[in-house]
Amino acid sequence: MGIVDTHLIYSPNHSFFEAFYWLPNENVDYDRFYIRTGAVETKDAHNAREYMENKVIPEFITWANQIISLPSNSPKFQEELHYARVFK
């Protein structure tokens, strides 16, 4: 698999971190990751940053690498490919 387009969206009223992998369809002719991140309260910023850097991003990279290494005819592509983490 070659380059995969990535959309990173910030939404203040959304979950902490959520990502989808979408195959081409009738409207978009390329594979893509769609990633949304949300906000946390200022008092939680330090802990949220550590959680993001030490857990969420490394797990996401592993998840994304597993997807892009799949053969194009993998049955996994018939499922919704979704990764999400919340901050508590």
N, C-alpha and C. Protein backbone atom coordinates (compact mmCIF):
# COMPACT_ATOMS: atom_id res chain seq x y z
N MET A 1 0.85 -1.18 0.00
CA MET A 1 0.00 0.00 0.00
C MET A 1 0.89 1.23 0.00
N GLY A 2 0.48 2.24 -0.72
CA GLY A 2 1.25 3.46 -0.83
C GLY A 2 0.86 4.47 0.24
N ILE A 3 0.88 5.71 -0.12
CA ILE A 3 0.54 6.79 0.78
C ILE A 3 -0.96 6.76 1.05
N VAL A 4 -1.32 6.99 2.31
CA VAL A 4 -2.72 7.05 2.70
C VAL A 4 -3.03 8.47 3.13
N ASP A 5 -4.05 9.05 2.55
CA ASP A 5 -4.47 10.40 2.91
C ASP A 5 -4.95 10.40 4.36
N THR A 6 -4.68 11.48 5.09
CA THR A 6 -5.08 11.58 6.48
C THR A 6 -5.74 12.92 6.74
N HIS A 7 -6.90 12.87 7.36
CA HIS A 7 -7.63 14.07 7.76
C HIS A 7 -7.61 14.12 9.28
N LEU A 8 -7.09 15.21 9.86
CA LEU A 8 -7.08 15.39 11.30
C LEU A 8 -8.02 16.55 11.62
N ILE A 9 -9.04 16.24 12.39
CA ILE A 9 -10.09 17.21 12.70
C ILE A 9 -10.12 17.46 14.20
N TYR A 10 -10.13 18.72 14.61
CA TYR A 10 -10.28 19.08 16.01
C TYR A 10 -11.73 19.45 16.24
N SER A 11 -12.34 18.88 17.26
CA SER A 11 -13.71 19.19 17.60
C SER A 11 -13.81 19.35 19.11
N PRO A 12 -14.03 20.55 19.60
CA PRO A 12 -14.04 20.77 21.04
C PRO A 12 -15.13 19.99 21.77
N ASN A 13 -16.15 19.57 21.07
CA ASN A 13 -17.25 18.84 21.70
C ASN A 13 -17.24 17.37 21.34
N HIS A 14 -16.07 16.84 21.08
CA HIS A 14 -15.98 15.45 20.62
C HIS A 14 -15.13 14.62 21.57
N SER A 15 -15.11 13.33 21.31
CA SER A 15 -14.33 12.43 22.16
C SER A 15 -12.84 12.78 22.10
N PHE A 16 -12.10 12.20 23.00
CA PHE A 16 -10.67 12.50 23.15
C PHE A 16 -9.88 12.17 21.89
N PHE A 17 -10.02 10.94 21.36
CA PHE A 17 -9.30 10.54 20.16
C PHE A 17 -10.10 9.44 19.47
N GLU A 18 -10.34 9.63 18.19
CA GLU A 18 -11.11 8.66 17.42
C GLU A 18 -10.59 8.65 15.99
N ALA A 19 -10.41 7.46 15.44
CA ALA A 19 -9.89 7.34 14.08
C ALA A 19 -10.66 6.27 13.31
N PHE A 20 -10.85 6.54 12.04
CA PHE A 20 -11.48 5.59 11.12
C PHE A 20 -10.55 5.39 9.94
N TYR A 21 -10.61 4.22 9.36
CA TYR A 21 -9.93 3.97 8.10
C TYR A 21 -11.00 3.69 7.07
N TRP A 22 -11.01 4.46 6.01
CA TRP A 22 -12.02 4.31 4.98
C TRP A 22 -11.38 3.97 3.65
N LEU A 23 -11.96 3.01 2.98
CA LEU A 23 -11.55 2.63 1.63
C LEU A 23 -12.15 3.60 0.62
N PRO A 24 -11.65 3.59 -0.60
CA PRO A 24 -12.28 4.42 -1.64
C PRO A 24 -13.75 4.03 -1.79
N ASN A 25 -14.54 5.01 -2.21
CA ASN A 25 -15.96 4.75 -2.49
C ASN A 25 -16.38 5.58 -3.70
N GLU A 26 -17.66 5.66 -3.95
CA GLU A 26 -18.13 6.38 -5.14
C GLU A 26 -17.87 7.88 -5.08
N ASN A 27 -17.62 8.42 -3.89
CA ASN A 27 -17.38 9.85 -3.74
C ASN A 27 -15.90 10.23 -3.60
N VAL A 28 -15.10 9.31 -3.09
CA VAL A 28 -13.68 9.58 -2.84
C VAL A 28 -12.89 8.39 -3.37
N ASP A 29 -11.93 8.64 -4.23
CA ASP A 29 -11.24 7.54 -4.91
C ASP A 29 -9.90 7.16 -4.29
N TYR A 30 -9.75 7.38 -2.98
CA TYR A 30 -8.50 7.02 -2.32
C TYR A 30 -8.78 6.55 -0.89
N ASP A 31 -7.85 5.74 -0.35
CA ASP A 31 -7.92 5.31 1.04
C ASP A 31 -7.62 6.50 1.93
N ARG A 32 -8.16 6.47 3.16
CA ARG A 32 -7.87 7.59 4.05
C ARG A 32 -8.12 7.24 5.51
N PHE A 33 -7.37 7.90 6.37
CA PHE A 33 -7.63 7.90 7.80
C PHE A 33 -8.37 9.19 8.11
N TYR A 34 -9.39 9.09 8.93
CA TYR A 34 -10.13 10.25 9.39
C TYR A 34 -9.98 10.25 10.91
N ILE A 35 -9.31 11.26 11.44
CA ILE A 35 -8.98 11.31 12.86
C ILE A 35 -9.62 12.55 13.48
N ARG A 36 -10.32 12.33 14.58
CA ARG A 36 -10.92 13.45 15.33
C ARG A 36 -10.35 13.46 16.74
N THR A 37 -10.03 14.64 17.20
CA THR A 37 -9.59 14.80 18.58
C THR A 37 -10.46 15.83 19.26
N GLY A 38 -10.57 15.70 20.55
CA GLY A 38 -11.39 16.63 21.32
C GLY A 38 -10.55 17.41 22.33
N ALA A 39 -11.23 18.09 23.20
CA ALA A 39 -10.57 18.93 24.19
C ALA A 39 -10.77 18.34 25.59
N VAL A 40 -9.90 18.74 26.48
CA VAL A 40 -10.04 18.39 27.88
C VAL A 40 -10.00 19.69 28.68
N GLU A 41 -10.42 19.60 29.92
CA GLU A 41 -10.36 20.78 30.78
C GLU A 41 -8.90 21.12 31.08
N THR A 42 -8.63 22.38 31.29
CA THR A 42 -7.28 22.85 31.55
C THR A 42 -6.63 22.09 32.70
N LYS A 43 -7.37 21.81 33.72
CA LYS A 43 -6.82 21.11 34.88
C LYS A 43 -6.36 19.70 34.54
N ASP A 44 -6.86 19.13 33.45
CA ASP A 44 -6.51 17.77 33.03
C ASP A 44 -5.48 17.73 31.91
N ALA A 45 -5.05 18.90 31.45
CA ALA A 45 -4.20 18.97 30.25
C ALA A 45 -2.91 18.18 30.39
N HIS A 46 -2.22 18.29 31.49
CA HIS A 46 -0.94 17.60 31.65
C HIS A 46 -1.13 16.08 31.59
N ASN A 47 -2.08 15.56 32.35
CA ASN A 47 -2.33 14.11 32.34
C ASN A 47 -2.84 13.64 30.98
N ALA A 48 -3.67 14.43 30.35
CA ALA A 48 -4.19 14.06 29.02
C ALA A 48 -3.06 14.01 28.00
N ARG A 49 -2.14 14.96 28.06
CA ARG A 49 -1.00 14.98 27.14
C ARG A 49 -0.13 13.74 27.34
N GLU A 50 0.15 13.40 28.59
CA GLU A 50 0.95 12.20 28.86
C GLU A 50 0.25 10.94 28.36
N TYR A 51 -1.04 10.85 28.58
CA TYR A 51 -1.82 9.70 28.10
C TYR A 51 -1.78 9.63 26.58
N MET A 52 -1.94 10.77 25.94
CA MET A 52 -1.91 10.82 24.47
C MET A 52 -0.53 10.39 23.95
N GLU A 53 0.51 10.94 24.50
CA GLU A 53 1.87 10.66 24.02
C GLU A 53 2.32 9.23 24.33
N ASN A 54 1.99 8.72 25.50
CA ASN A 54 2.52 7.43 25.96
C ASN A 54 1.64 6.23 25.65
N LYS A 55 0.37 6.45 25.41
CA LYS A 55 -0.53 5.32 25.17
C LYS A 55 -1.30 5.44 23.86
N VAL A 56 -2.03 6.53 23.69
CA VAL A 56 -2.94 6.66 22.55
C VAL A 56 -2.19 6.67 21.22
N ILE A 57 -1.20 7.53 21.07
CA ILE A 57 -0.48 7.63 19.80
C ILE A 57 0.26 6.33 19.47
N PRO A 58 1.02 5.73 20.41
CA PRO A 58 1.67 4.46 20.07
C PRO A 58 0.67 3.36 19.68
N GLU A 59 -0.44 3.26 20.39
CA GLU A 59 -1.46 2.27 20.03
C GLU A 59 -2.06 2.56 18.67
N PHE A 60 -2.32 3.84 18.39
CA PHE A 60 -2.88 4.21 17.09
C PHE A 60 -1.91 3.85 15.97
N ILE A 61 -0.64 4.12 16.15
CA ILE A 61 0.36 3.80 15.12
C ILE A 61 0.38 2.30 14.86
N THR A 62 0.33 1.50 15.90
CA THR A 62 0.28 0.04 15.74
C THR A 62 -0.97 -0.36 14.97
N TRP A 63 -2.11 0.17 15.35
CA TRP A 63 -3.39 -0.12 14.69
C TRP A 63 -3.32 0.27 13.21
N ALA A 64 -2.84 1.48 12.94
CA ALA A 64 -2.77 1.98 11.56
C ALA A 64 -1.81 1.12 10.72
N ASN A 65 -0.67 0.77 11.28
CA ASN A 65 0.29 -0.06 10.54
C ASN A 65 -0.28 -1.44 10.24
N GLN A 66 -1.05 -1.99 11.16
CA GLN A 66 -1.70 -3.29 10.90
C GLN A 66 -2.66 -3.18 9.72
N ILE A 67 -3.40 -2.10 9.66
CA ILE A 67 -4.36 -1.92 8.57
C ILE A 67 -3.65 -1.76 7.24
N ILE A 68 -2.66 -0.89 7.18
CA ILE A 68 -2.04 -0.63 5.88
C ILE A 68 -1.17 -1.79 5.41
N SER A 69 -0.89 -2.74 6.30
CA SER A 69 -0.13 -3.91 5.88
C SER A 69 -1.02 -5.06 5.42
N LEU A 70 -2.33 -4.90 5.55
CA LEU A 70 -3.26 -5.95 5.11
C LEU A 70 -3.27 -6.06 3.59
N PRO A 71 -3.47 -7.26 3.08
CA PRO A 71 -3.65 -7.38 1.63
C PRO A 71 -4.96 -6.72 1.22
N SER A 72 -5.02 -6.24 0.00
CA SER A 72 -6.21 -5.48 -0.45
C SER A 72 -7.49 -6.31 -0.43
N ASN A 73 -7.38 -7.64 -0.42
CA ASN A 73 -8.59 -8.48 -0.41
C ASN A 73 -8.89 -9.02 1.00
N SER A 74 -8.32 -8.41 2.02
CA SER A 74 -8.54 -8.87 3.39
C SER A 74 -10.01 -8.72 3.79
N PRO A 75 -10.58 -9.74 4.42
CA PRO A 75 -11.96 -9.63 4.91
C PRO A 75 -12.11 -8.57 5.99
N LYS A 76 -11.01 -8.16 6.60
CA LYS A 76 -11.04 -7.11 7.61
C LYS A 76 -11.64 -5.81 7.04
N PHE A 77 -11.46 -5.59 5.73
CA PHE A 77 -11.97 -4.37 5.11
C PHE A 77 -13.50 -4.37 4.98
N GLN A 78 -14.13 -5.48 5.28
CA GLN A 78 -15.59 -5.55 5.27
C GLN A 78 -16.17 -5.03 6.59
N GLU A 79 -15.31 -4.87 7.59
CA GLU A 79 -15.71 -4.37 8.90
C GLU A 79 -15.48 -2.86 8.97
N GLU A 80 -16.12 -2.21 9.96
CA GLU A 80 -15.78 -0.82 10.23
C GLU A 80 -14.44 -0.80 10.95
N LEU A 81 -13.49 -0.10 10.41
CA LEU A 81 -12.15 -0.01 10.99
C LEU A 81 -12.10 1.27 11.83
N HIS A 82 -12.16 1.11 13.13
CA HIS A 82 -12.35 2.21 14.04
C HIS A 82 -11.47 2.02 15.27
N TYR A 83 -10.80 3.08 15.69
CA TYR A 83 -9.97 3.09 16.90
C TYR A 83 -10.39 4.29 17.70
N ALA A 84 -10.64 4.11 19.00
CA ALA A 84 -11.05 5.23 19.84
C ALA A 84 -10.52 5.06 21.25
N ARG A 85 -10.19 6.18 21.87
CA ARG A 85 -9.78 6.20 23.27
C ARG A 85 -10.42 7.41 23.93
N VAL A 86 -10.83 7.21 25.17
CA VAL A 86 -11.39 8.31 25.95
C VAL A 86 -10.40 8.66 27.05
N PHE A 87 -10.49 9.85 27.54
CA PHE A 87 -9.67 10.29 28.67
C PHE A 87 -10.59 10.45 29.84
N LYS A 88 -10.26 9.79 30.94
CA LYS A 88 -11.12 9.86 32.14
C LYS A 88 -10.40 10.57 33.25
